[in-house]
Protein backbone atom coordinates (compact mmCIF):
# COMPACT_ATOMS: atom_id res chain seq x y z
CA ARG A 1 -25.06 36.46 36.65
CA GLN A 2 -27.31 35.56 39.60
CA ASP A 3 -26.85 39.07 41.00
CA ARG A 4 -27.90 40.59 37.65
CA HIS A 5 -30.93 38.31 37.53
CA ARG A 6 -31.88 39.24 41.09
CA LEU A 7 -31.44 42.95 40.32
CA GLY A 8 -33.56 42.56 37.19
CA GLN A 9 -36.35 40.91 39.19
CA ILE A 10 -36.23 43.69 41.80
CA MET A 11 -36.41 46.39 39.10
CA LYS A 12 -39.34 44.68 37.37
CA LYS A 13 -41.23 44.36 40.64
CA LEU A 14 -40.58 48.06 41.33
CA PHE A 15 -41.87 49.03 37.87
CA TYR A 16 -44.98 46.89 38.27
CA THR A 17 -45.65 48.30 41.74
CA ILE A 18 -45.38 51.89 40.48
CA TYR A 19 -47.65 50.96 37.59
CA ALA A 20 -50.21 49.50 40.00
CA VAL A 21 -50.24 52.67 42.13
CA ILE A 22 -50.83 54.88 39.08
CA PHE A 23 -53.45 52.45 37.75
CA ARG A 24 -55.30 52.60 41.08
CA ILE A 25 -55.41 56.38 40.84
CA CYS A 26 -56.70 56.12 37.25
CA ARG A 27 -59.44 53.78 38.48
CA LEU A 28 -60.98 56.85 40.12
CA PHE A 29 -62.08 57.85 36.62
CA PRO A 30 -65.22 56.12 35.32
CA VAL A 31 -65.07 53.37 32.71
CA LYS A 32 -65.78 54.94 29.32
CA ARG A 33 -68.52 53.21 27.33
CA GLY A 34 -67.23 51.90 24.04
CA ARG A 35 -63.56 52.31 24.93
CA VAL A 36 -61.50 49.34 23.74
CA ALA A 37 -57.86 48.87 24.75
CA LEU A 38 -55.78 46.62 22.50
CA VAL A 39 -52.64 45.43 24.30
CA SER A 40 -49.80 44.09 22.14
CA PRO A 41 -46.59 43.61 24.15
CA HIS A 42 -44.65 42.23 21.14
CA ASN A 43 -46.34 42.85 17.77
CA ALA A 44 -46.65 46.62 17.48
CA ASP A 45 -47.79 46.42 13.84
CA PHE A 46 -51.13 44.75 14.68
CA ASN A 47 -51.02 42.33 11.74
CA ASP A 48 -52.56 39.65 13.96
CA SER A 49 -55.82 38.90 15.82
CA LEU A 50 -55.71 42.26 17.59
CA GLY A 51 -55.40 43.97 14.22
CA ALA A 52 -58.32 41.97 12.82
CA VAL A 53 -60.51 42.87 15.82
CA LYS A 54 -59.43 46.50 15.48
CA ALA A 55 -60.41 46.51 11.80
CA GLU A 56 -63.80 44.97 12.62
CA LEU A 57 -64.48 47.58 15.32
CA GLU A 58 -63.50 50.36 12.93
CA ARG A 59 -65.76 48.88 10.25
CA ARG A 60 -68.72 49.02 12.63
CA GLY A 61 -67.80 52.42 14.03
CA GLY A 62 -68.62 54.07 17.33
CA TYR A 63 -65.76 52.65 19.40
CA ASP A 64 -62.95 54.55 21.11
CA ILE A 65 -59.94 52.34 20.32
CA LYS A 66 -56.74 52.78 22.30
CA LEU A 67 -53.51 50.96 21.46
CA ILE A 68 -50.95 49.82 24.02
CA THR A 69 -47.86 48.34 22.38
CA ARG A 70 -44.26 47.43 23.13
CA ARG A 71 -43.33 50.91 21.89
CA ASP A 72 -45.06 52.29 24.98
CA ILE A 73 -42.85 50.26 27.28
CA GLU A 74 -39.51 50.40 25.46
CA LEU A 75 -36.80 52.23 27.35
CA SER A 76 -34.09 54.34 25.73
CA LYS A 77 -30.64 55.63 26.60
CA ASN A 78 -31.70 59.03 25.29
CA PRO A 79 -32.94 61.01 28.34
CA ALA A 80 -35.74 62.77 26.44
CA LYS A 81 -36.99 59.51 24.91
CA LEU A 82 -36.64 57.77 28.27
CA ILE A 83 -38.85 60.34 29.99
CA LYS A 84 -41.39 60.23 27.17
CA GLY A 85 -41.43 56.41 27.19
CA ALA A 86 -41.80 56.27 30.96
CA PHE A 87 -44.72 58.70 30.82
CA ARG A 88 -46.45 56.63 28.12
CA PHE A 89 -45.91 53.40 30.03
CA PHE A 90 -46.82 54.51 33.55
CA PHE A 91 -49.48 57.13 32.90
CA VAL A 92 -50.99 56.87 29.41
CA SER A 93 -51.31 53.08 29.25
CA SER A 94 -52.54 52.93 32.89
CA TYR A 95 -55.29 55.44 32.15
CA ARG A 96 -56.29 53.67 28.95
CA LEU A 97 -56.55 50.30 30.70
CA ALA A 98 -58.29 51.64 33.79
CA THR A 99 -61.01 53.38 31.78
CA ALA A 100 -61.52 50.71 29.09
CA GLN A 101 -64.77 48.80 28.90
CA TYR A 102 -63.06 46.07 26.85
CA VAL A 103 -59.44 44.95 26.93
CA PHE A 104 -58.01 42.56 24.33
CA LEU A 105 -54.52 41.02 24.60
CA ASN A 106 -52.51 38.72 22.34
CA ASP A 107 -49.82 37.67 24.85
CA ASN A 108 -48.79 37.92 28.48
CA PHE A 109 -48.72 41.44 29.89
CA MET A 110 -47.13 41.14 33.34
CA PRO A 111 -48.37 44.47 34.82
CA LEU A 112 -51.80 42.79 34.95
CA ALA A 113 -50.54 40.75 37.89
CA TYR A 114 -50.46 43.93 39.99
CA ILE A 115 -53.74 45.61 39.02
CA ASN A 116 -57.47 45.09 39.41
CA PHE A 117 -59.93 46.10 36.73
CA SER A 118 -63.39 47.50 37.22
CA PRO A 119 -66.11 44.82 37.36
CA GLU A 120 -67.51 46.55 34.26
CA THR A 121 -64.40 45.70 32.20
CA LYS A 122 -64.11 42.55 30.09
CA VAL A 123 -60.53 41.31 29.63
CA VAL A 124 -60.08 38.92 26.73
CA GLN A 125 -56.97 36.87 25.88
CA LEU A 126 -56.86 36.28 22.10
CA TRP A 127 -53.39 34.68 22.23
CA HIS A 128 -51.01 34.88 19.27
CA ALA A 129 -51.22 31.29 18.06
CA GLU A 130 -53.93 28.88 16.99
CA GLY A 131 -54.91 25.43 18.17
CA VAL A 132 -52.58 23.47 20.44
CA PHE A 133 -49.02 22.43 19.70
CA LYS A 134 -46.27 23.09 22.24
CA ARG A 135 -47.32 23.75 25.83
CA PHE A 136 -48.01 27.37 26.73
CA GLY A 137 -49.27 29.51 29.57
CA LEU A 138 -49.74 27.70 32.87
CA CYS A 139 -49.28 24.35 31.09
CA SER A 140 -45.62 25.04 30.38
CA ALA A 141 -42.71 24.54 32.76
CA LEU A 142 -42.16 27.98 34.28
CA PRO A 143 -39.79 29.26 36.96
CA PRO A 144 -41.77 29.63 40.22
CA GLU A 145 -41.68 33.44 40.21
CA ILE A 146 -42.90 33.64 36.58
CA GLU A 147 -45.59 31.04 37.19
CA GLU A 148 -46.91 33.04 40.13
CA LEU A 149 -47.02 36.21 38.00
CA GLU A 150 -48.82 34.42 35.17
CA LYS A 151 -51.39 32.96 37.57
CA ARG A 152 -52.13 36.44 38.86
CA CYS A 153 -52.39 37.78 35.27
CA CYS A 154 -54.78 34.99 34.31
CA LYS A 155 -57.09 35.92 37.18
CA ARG A 156 -57.75 39.20 35.38
CA TYR A 157 -59.06 37.46 32.25
CA THR A 158 -62.81 37.19 31.86
CA HIS A 159 -62.53 35.23 28.60
CA ALA A 160 -60.08 33.58 26.23
CA VAL A 161 -60.70 32.87 22.56
CA CYS A 162 -59.55 29.76 20.72
CA SER A 163 -59.87 28.26 17.24
CA SER A 164 -61.72 25.00 17.92
CA LYS A 165 -64.04 23.30 20.42
CA ASN A 166 -61.45 20.52 20.62
CA VAL A 167 -58.84 22.80 22.14
CA VAL A 168 -61.10 24.49 24.73
CA PRO A 169 -59.89 22.27 27.63
CA TYR A 170 -56.24 23.04 26.84
CA TYR A 171 -56.82 26.80 26.75
CA ALA A 172 -58.81 26.61 29.98
CA LYS A 173 -55.84 24.96 31.73
CA ALA A 174 -53.29 27.28 30.09
CA PHE A 175 -55.12 30.40 31.28
CA GLY A 176 -56.63 29.10 34.52
CA LEU A 177 -60.18 29.69 33.31
CA PRO A 178 -63.36 27.61 33.53
CA GLU A 179 -64.10 26.00 30.17
CA GLU A 180 -67.28 28.05 29.72
CA SER A 181 -65.11 31.19 29.65
CA VAL A 182 -63.07 29.87 26.70
CA LEU A 183 -64.89 30.76 23.50
CA PRO A 184 -64.18 28.69 20.34
CA LEU A 185 -64.92 31.57 17.96
CA GLY A 186 -61.95 31.07 15.65
CA SER A 187 -58.64 32.86 15.21
CA ALA A 188 -59.15 36.39 13.94
CA ARG A 189 -55.58 36.57 12.60
CA THR A 190 -56.35 33.76 10.13
CA ASP A 191 -59.36 35.56 8.60
CA ARG A 192 -57.07 37.04 5.97
CA PHE A 193 -56.44 33.57 4.52
CA PHE A 194 -60.13 33.14 3.68
CA LEU A 195 -60.85 36.58 2.31
CA PRO A 196 -60.19 37.75 -1.27
CA SER A 197 -56.49 38.44 -1.68
CA ASP A 198 -54.27 39.07 -4.68
CA THR A 199 -51.45 36.66 -3.85
CA GLU A 200 -49.97 37.04 -7.34
CA LYS A 201 -49.67 40.78 -6.78
CA LEU A 202 -48.03 40.20 -3.41
CA ARG A 203 -45.54 37.84 -5.00
CA ALA A 204 -44.82 40.25 -7.85
CA GLU A 205 -44.15 43.07 -5.38
CA PHE A 206 -41.89 40.75 -3.38
CA ASP A 207 -39.96 39.73 -6.50
CA GLU A 208 -39.50 43.37 -7.42
CA LYS A 209 -37.90 43.98 -4.02
CA TYR A 210 -35.92 40.71 -4.13
CA PRO A 211 -35.26 40.06 -7.85
CA GLN A 212 -33.19 36.94 -7.07
CA CYS A 213 -36.49 35.23 -6.14
CA SER A 214 -38.17 35.74 -9.49
CA GLY A 215 -39.16 32.50 -11.21
CA LYS A 216 -38.34 30.29 -8.22
CA LYS A 217 -40.23 28.73 -5.34
CA LEU A 218 -39.80 30.20 -1.87
CA ALA A 219 -38.78 27.97 1.04
CA LEU A 220 -39.24 29.63 4.44
CA TYR A 221 -37.15 28.49 7.41
CA ALA A 222 -38.93 29.80 10.52
CA PRO A 223 -37.68 28.26 13.78
CA THR A 224 -38.95 29.29 17.19
CA PHE A 225 -36.99 30.40 20.25
CA ARG A 226 -35.54 28.15 22.99
CA ASP A 227 -35.90 30.25 26.17
CA ASP A 228 -32.09 30.17 26.41
CA PRO A 229 -29.87 32.74 24.63
CA LYS A 230 -27.07 30.19 24.24
CA ARG A 231 -29.35 27.63 22.58
CA ASP A 232 -30.98 30.36 20.50
CA GLY A 233 -27.54 31.14 19.13
CA GLU A 234 -27.13 27.53 18.06
CA ILE A 235 -30.21 27.44 15.84
CA MET A 236 -28.48 28.74 12.72
CA LYS A 237 -25.33 26.73 13.49
CA ASN A 238 -27.46 23.65 12.83
CA PHE A 239 -28.89 24.97 9.55
CA ASP A 240 -26.45 25.12 6.63
CA ALA A 241 -27.96 27.68 4.25
CA LYS A 242 -25.03 27.32 1.84
CA LYS A 243 -25.53 23.56 1.64
CA PHE A 244 -29.25 24.07 1.03
CA ALA A 245 -28.51 26.51 -1.78
CA GLU A 246 -25.94 24.21 -3.39
CA ARG A 247 -28.56 21.47 -3.60
CA PHE A 248 -31.76 23.37 -4.40
CA SER A 249 -30.84 26.79 -5.82
CA ASP A 250 -32.29 25.85 -9.22
CA GLU A 251 -35.72 25.35 -7.66
CA TYR A 252 -35.87 27.28 -4.36
CA VAL A 253 -34.76 30.54 -2.83
CA LEU A 254 -34.31 30.16 0.92
CA LEU A 255 -35.86 32.76 3.22
CA ILE A 256 -34.96 32.74 6.92
CA ARG A 257 -37.13 34.30 9.59
CA LEU A 258 -35.95 33.98 13.17
CA HIS A 259 -38.38 34.43 16.05
CA PRO A 260 -38.44 38.00 17.47
CA GLN A 261 -37.24 36.61 20.81
CA VAL A 262 -34.09 35.18 19.21
CA HIS A 263 -31.71 38.11 19.67
CA THR A 264 -28.94 37.13 17.27
CA GLY A 265 -28.97 40.15 14.98
CA GLU A 266 -29.13 39.69 11.24
CA VAL A 267 -28.85 36.23 9.73
CA ASP A 268 -25.39 35.77 8.28
CA ALA A 269 -26.11 33.46 5.35
CA GLY A 270 -24.19 35.33 2.65
CA GLU A 271 -25.79 34.93 -0.76
CA SER A 272 -27.31 31.56 0.19
CA ALA A 273 -30.44 32.96 1.83
CA ILE A 274 -32.42 36.14 2.42
CA ASP A 275 -32.99 37.33 5.98
CA MET A 276 -36.70 37.92 6.59
CA THR A 277 -36.46 38.34 10.37
CA GLY A 278 -37.37 41.99 10.13
CA TYR A 279 -40.10 41.54 7.51
CA PRO A 280 -43.10 43.39 8.99
CA ASP A 281 -45.92 41.00 8.04
CA VAL A 282 -45.35 37.28 8.47
CA GLY A 283 -48.84 36.67 7.04
CA GLU A 284 -47.64 37.92 3.66
CA LEU A 285 -44.74 35.50 3.77
CA VAL A 286 -47.15 32.67 4.52
CA GLN A 287 -49.23 33.64 1.49
CA ILE A 288 -46.35 33.76 -0.99
CA CYS A 289 -44.06 30.97 0.25
CA ASP A 290 -44.32 27.46 -1.17
CA LEU A 291 -42.67 25.38 1.56
CA LEU A 292 -42.25 25.80 5.31
CA ILE A 293 -39.35 24.39 7.29
CA THR A 294 -39.85 24.87 11.02
CA ASP A 295 -39.27 23.09 14.29
CA TYR A 296 -41.76 23.80 17.09
CA SER A 297 -43.39 26.97 15.80
CA SER A 298 -47.14 27.37 15.45
CA ILE A 299 -46.56 29.06 12.08
CA CYS A 300 -47.25 25.58 10.71
CA MET A 301 -50.94 26.23 11.47
CA ASP A 302 -51.05 28.94 8.79
CA PHE A 303 -49.43 26.77 6.14
CA VAL A 304 -51.84 23.93 6.93
CA LEU A 305 -54.80 26.28 6.48
CA LEU A 306 -53.54 27.10 2.99
CA GLY A 307 -52.74 23.46 2.20
CA LYS A 308 -49.02 24.17 1.82
CA PRO A 309 -46.35 21.58 2.75
CA CYS A 310 -44.54 21.76 6.09
CA LEU A 311 -41.35 20.02 7.14
CA PHE A 312 -40.17 19.78 10.74
CA TYR A 313 -36.45 20.05 11.38
CA ALA A 314 -36.15 18.98 15.03
CA PHE A 315 -32.42 18.63 15.60
CA ASP A 316 -32.80 19.21 19.37
CA LEU A 317 -36.16 17.51 19.94
CA GLU A 318 -35.17 15.54 23.05
CA GLU A 319 -33.77 18.60 24.78
CA TYR A 320 -36.75 20.75 23.78
CA GLU A 321 -39.20 18.14 25.08
CA ARG A 322 -37.43 18.11 28.44
CA GLU A 323 -37.65 21.89 28.76
CA ARG A 324 -40.94 22.85 27.06
CA SER A 325 -42.76 19.71 25.91
CA PHE A 326 -45.91 19.32 23.81
CA PHE A 327 -49.53 18.46 24.42
CA PHE A 328 -49.22 15.40 22.16
CA ASP A 329 -46.45 13.15 20.83
CA TYR A 330 -44.51 15.46 18.54
CA GLU A 331 -43.65 13.13 15.66
CA ASP A 332 -47.14 11.61 15.52
CA TYR A 333 -48.90 14.97 15.72
CA VAL A 334 -47.07 17.36 13.39
CA PRO A 335 -48.63 17.88 9.93
CA GLY A 336 -45.58 16.85 7.92
CA ARG A 337 -42.38 14.82 7.81
CA THR A 338 -39.81 15.15 10.62
CA ALA A 339 -36.03 15.26 10.19
CA LYS A 340 -33.50 15.06 13.02
CA THR A 341 -30.37 15.90 11.00
CA PHE A 342 -29.76 18.49 8.30
CA ASP A 343 -28.77 15.87 5.71
CA GLU A 344 -31.99 14.01 6.44
CA LEU A 345 -33.93 17.23 5.90
CA LEU A 346 -32.26 17.77 2.52
CA ASP A 347 -33.05 14.19 1.50
CA VAL A 348 -36.72 14.63 2.42
CA ILE A 349 -36.90 17.75 0.23
CA SER A 350 -35.20 15.90 -2.62
CA GLY A 351 -37.66 13.03 -2.31
CA GLY A 352 -40.64 15.37 -2.60
CA ASP A 353 -42.73 13.50 0.00
CA PHE A 354 -43.58 16.18 2.55
CA GLY A 355 -46.29 14.22 4.36
CA LYS A 356 -49.21 16.43 3.31
CA ASP A 357 -51.55 13.51 3.97
CA ARG A 358 -51.09 14.30 7.69
CA GLN A 359 -52.55 17.78 7.38
CA GLU A 360 -56.29 17.11 7.23
CA LYS A 361 -56.50 15.44 10.64
CA PHE A 362 -54.35 18.18 12.15
CA LYS A 363 -56.52 20.91 10.62
CA SER A 364 -59.86 19.39 11.60
CA PHE A 365 -58.72 19.06 15.22
CA ASN A 366 -57.38 22.61 15.57
CA PHE A 367 -59.94 24.57 13.55
CA ASP A 368 -63.72 24.71 13.35
CA ALA A 369 -65.26 27.35 11.08
CA LEU A 370 -62.89 28.42 8.30
CA ASP A 371 -64.88 31.27 6.83
CA GLY A 372 -62.92 34.47 7.44
CA LYS A 373 -65.49 35.71 10.00
CA SER A 374 -63.74 35.02 13.30
CA ALA A 375 -63.27 38.73 14.09
CA GLU A 376 -66.98 39.30 13.53
CA ARG A 377 -67.86 36.49 15.94
CA ILE A 378 -65.46 37.80 18.57
CA VAL A 379 -66.85 41.33 18.42
CA ASP A 380 -70.41 39.99 18.49
CA ALA A 381 -69.72 37.81 21.52
CA ILE A 382 -67.63 40.23 23.58
CA VAL A 383 -68.45 43.76 22.54
CA LYS A 384 -71.82 43.83 20.82
């Protein structure tokens, strides 16, 4: 296992080094005015802050928008696809980044550790979550080699964007930036929750696709990953979908959405739940679901914005705190009731007291302007 890990690290370093050489060649080309590169290493569908910024740029017009997604860096066993993917990753994305006047990211993109942008290029980290909850970036416990890579990536950022003045110091530490370079302009991915939307139509379309949901409330179980494949595999072993259905099937249909980094395949819950792991737009699920059950996922931010109840099923809290930890005391901070065992979780749902009175303080700390105009402010501040 150690040999495989060492080989993997060597291969990654080789890939990044090749990327850096090609990028340096591409730097010979001039930066193109109005070119914007949107880098999404995980969410290739752009239904997030990058997508909101993209839509705002398109609305204004006059920008040359280039997308760099995980599809550009995915490898394949098919020789033809492998060659095509390698060309996209090493040459196309390098050229797009090297000639971009503005670069926006929503997550870590490790090749940045090996390249240097033109002084004319602004590199902006939008991040994929709002506010502060669990530790992230340079504030989290990282293996030394990953921490060094992230530090080098962070040196490429000219700005980061966050959702509230209160969280500026935390983002500055997480991305190794001075506080004046962290801009509390709001989270562009949450703009959709404050703009006109036909939620009833969304729900009707969902019910048509999943007729067993018609006439019932939707409870979404959306746990996050554990940074350990073995522990990731234990998440669903601690959640008894059948037991949930036996107790609440008259009122709720259970939807389960595992984090994309939890590689456990489809959720095997039989007829007790519906697997939403592959559902393309989590924002739609947030809009139509009535109750969230999570653990340490920032998806709770979205439910709080919409005033929907959240419950926190933290069966491995002590272990998670040792490995990842939070910025604040977990049980005091979360915007809802906490349960440590599955039976306790079921009893909380039966009792109907979800702790919604905790949401207002949580929301006011993590969000400033809630007006659906965050993408406008970001484009005004960075691009305009």
